[in-house]
C-alpha atoms as a PDB file:
ATOM      1  CA  MET A   1      -0.031   0.064   0.031  1.00  0.00           C
ATOM      2  CA  TYR A   2       2.825   2.702   0.850  1.00  0.00           C
ATOM      3  CA  LEU A   3       4.388   1.547  -2.526  1.00  0.00           C
ATOM      4  CA  THR A   4       1.379   2.512  -4.583  1.00  0.00           C
ATOM      5  CA  GLY A   5       0.603   5.888  -2.559  1.00  0.00           C
ATOM      6  CA  ALA A   6       4.518   6.767  -2.776  1.00  0.00           C
ATOM      7  CA  ALA A   7       4.294   6.075  -6.715  1.00  0.00           C
ATOM      8  CA  GLY A   8       0.978   7.958  -6.994  1.00  0.00           C
ATOM      9  CA  SER A   9       2.348  10.937  -5.226  1.00  0.00           C
ATOM     10  CA  VAL A  10       5.374  10.958  -7.749  1.00  0.00           C
ATOM     11  CA  LEU A  11       3.117  10.745 -10.639  1.00  0.00           C
ATOM     12  CA  VAL A  12       1.102  13.883 -10.137  1.00  0.00           C
ATOM     13  CA  ILE A  13       4.006  16.085  -9.575  1.00  0.00           C
ATOM     14  CA  PRO A  14       4.579  18.273 -12.486  1.00  0.00           C
ATOM     15  CA  GLY A  15       7.627  18.798 -14.342  1.00  0.00           C
ATOM     16  CA  ILE A  16       9.164  15.363 -13.347  1.00  0.00           C
ATOM     17  CA  PRO A  17      11.307  13.766 -16.146  1.00  0.00           C
ATOM     18  CA  GLU A  18       9.692  11.055 -18.077  1.00  0.00           C
ATOM     19  CA  ASN A  19      12.246   8.273 -16.894  1.00  0.00           C
ATOM     20  CA  VAL A  20      10.874   8.987 -13.243  1.00  0.00           C
ATOM     21  CA  LYS A  21       7.334   8.709 -14.593  1.00  0.00           C
ATOM     22  CA  THR A  22       8.209   5.494 -15.852  1.00  0.00           C
ATOM     23  CA  ILE A  23       9.658   4.009 -12.757  1.00  0.00           C
ATOM     24  CA  ALA A  24       6.914   5.467 -10.908  1.00  0.00           C
ATOM     25  CA  GLY A  25       4.418   3.760 -13.188  1.00  0.00           C
ATOM     26  CA  TYR A  26       6.086   0.346 -12.619  1.00  0.00           C
ATOM     27  CA  ALA A  27       6.195   0.786  -8.785  1.00  0.00           C
ATOM     28  CA  LEU A  28       2.489   1.650  -8.716  1.00  0.00           C
ATOM     29  CA  THR A  29       1.707  -1.527 -10.822  1.00  0.00           C
ATOM     30  CA  VAL A  30       3.768  -3.691  -8.571  1.00  0.00           C
ATOM     31  CA  GLY A  31       2.302  -2.124  -5.463  1.00  0.00           C
ATOM     32  CA  ALA A  32      -1.271  -2.873  -6.751  1.00  0.00           C
ATOM     33  CA  VAL A  33      -0.306  -6.576  -7.469  1.00  0.00           C
ATOM     34  CA  LEU A  34       1.328  -7.085  -4.201  1.00  0.00           C
ATOM     35  CA  ALA A  35      -1.808  -5.457  -2.465  1.00  0.00           C
ATOM     36  CA  ALA A  36      -4.081  -7.880  -4.533  1.00  0.00           C
ATOM     37  CA  VAL A  37      -2.192 -10.896  -3.722  1.00  0.00           C
ATOM     38  CA  SER A  38      -1.730 -10.231  -0.027  1.00  0.00           C
ATOM     39  CA  LYS A  39      -5.684 -10.088  -0.102  1.00  0.00           C
ATOM     40  CA  LEU A  40      -5.880 -13.822  -1.261  1.00  0.00           C
ATOM     41  CA  PRO A  41      -7.126 -16.356   1.045  1.00  0.00           C
ATOM     42  CA  VAL A  42      -4.775 -18.769   2.535  1.00  0.00           C
ATOM     43  CA  LYS A  43      -5.763 -22.338   3.648  1.00  0.00           C
ATOM     44  CA  ASP A  44      -4.646 -23.022   7.367  1.00  0.00           C
ATOM     45  CA  PRO A  45      -2.877 -26.348   7.864  1.00  0.00           C
ATOM     46  CA  ASP A  46      -4.859 -28.847   9.811  1.00  0.00           C
ATOM     47  CA  TYR A  47      -2.551 -29.241  13.190  1.00  0.00           C
ATOM     48  CA  SER A  48      -5.129 -31.614  14.740  1.00  0.00           C
ATOM     49  CA  THR A  49      -4.181 -34.612  12.527  1.00  0.00           C
ATOM     50  CA  LEU A  50      -0.709 -34.030  13.344  1.00  0.00           C
ATOM     51  CA  ASP A  51      -1.215 -34.137  17.045  1.00  0.00           C
ATOM     52  CA  GLN A  52      -3.120 -37.225  16.674  1.00  0.00           C
ATOM     53  CA  LYS A  53      -0.214 -38.893  14.750  1.00  0.00           C
ATOM     54  CA  LYS A  54       2.257 -37.922  17.217  1.00  0.00           C
ATOM     55  CA  ASP A  55       0.036 -39.544  20.075  1.00  0.00           C
ATOM     56  CA  GLU A  56      -0.390 -42.614  18.211  1.00  0.00           C
ATOM     57  CA  ASN A  57       3.551 -43.001  17.928  1.00  0.00           C
ATOM     58  CA  PHE A  58       4.037 -42.808  21.517  1.00  0.00           C
ATOM     59  CA  ASN A  59       1.449 -45.681  22.281  1.00  0.00           C
END
């Protein structure tokens, strides 16, 4: 989120060289993709089955 905010701020400044705007555009894209990926759901591992297997080994 900070990357997209910083890149967006750089893009709106008038009189910036074109190569800086290009880099800021790439940074904006990367930041948006990272923000979207971080919102994806993640499946939690099932630790209860691991505990049961560990208990069975001790019996």
